[in-house]
């Protein structure tokens, strides 16, 4: 809506029905011109800055748990069947790492308390 600068999606987030006049002034949005760059540009930026992002990316996977899983044209159910075990495995691994860190921290805190 150019008057209010609000964006609506006619199926997911339609304008209020009581204001029919809004529908008359709606114009299509060109998301390509409003995006932060095309995919090729984004991939290039990732390639250039991946070293700086490496610490963050370690939270998304491990060296032996791939961040990308190739799924050739499958149904949504099949994709879920392939991805869900990988996500569960990664979650359990990260949870175990976190618990080990917490135990280590508690042990250090106890040692510091006894030494003080």
Foldseek 3Di string as FASTA:
>chain_A
DVVVPDDADVPPGNDDPVCPVVVVPDDDDDVQVVDPDDPVVVVVVCVVCVVVCVVVCVLQDHPPQDNDDDDPDDDPVVVCVVCVVSVVVSVVVVVVVVVVVVVVVVVVVVVVVVVD
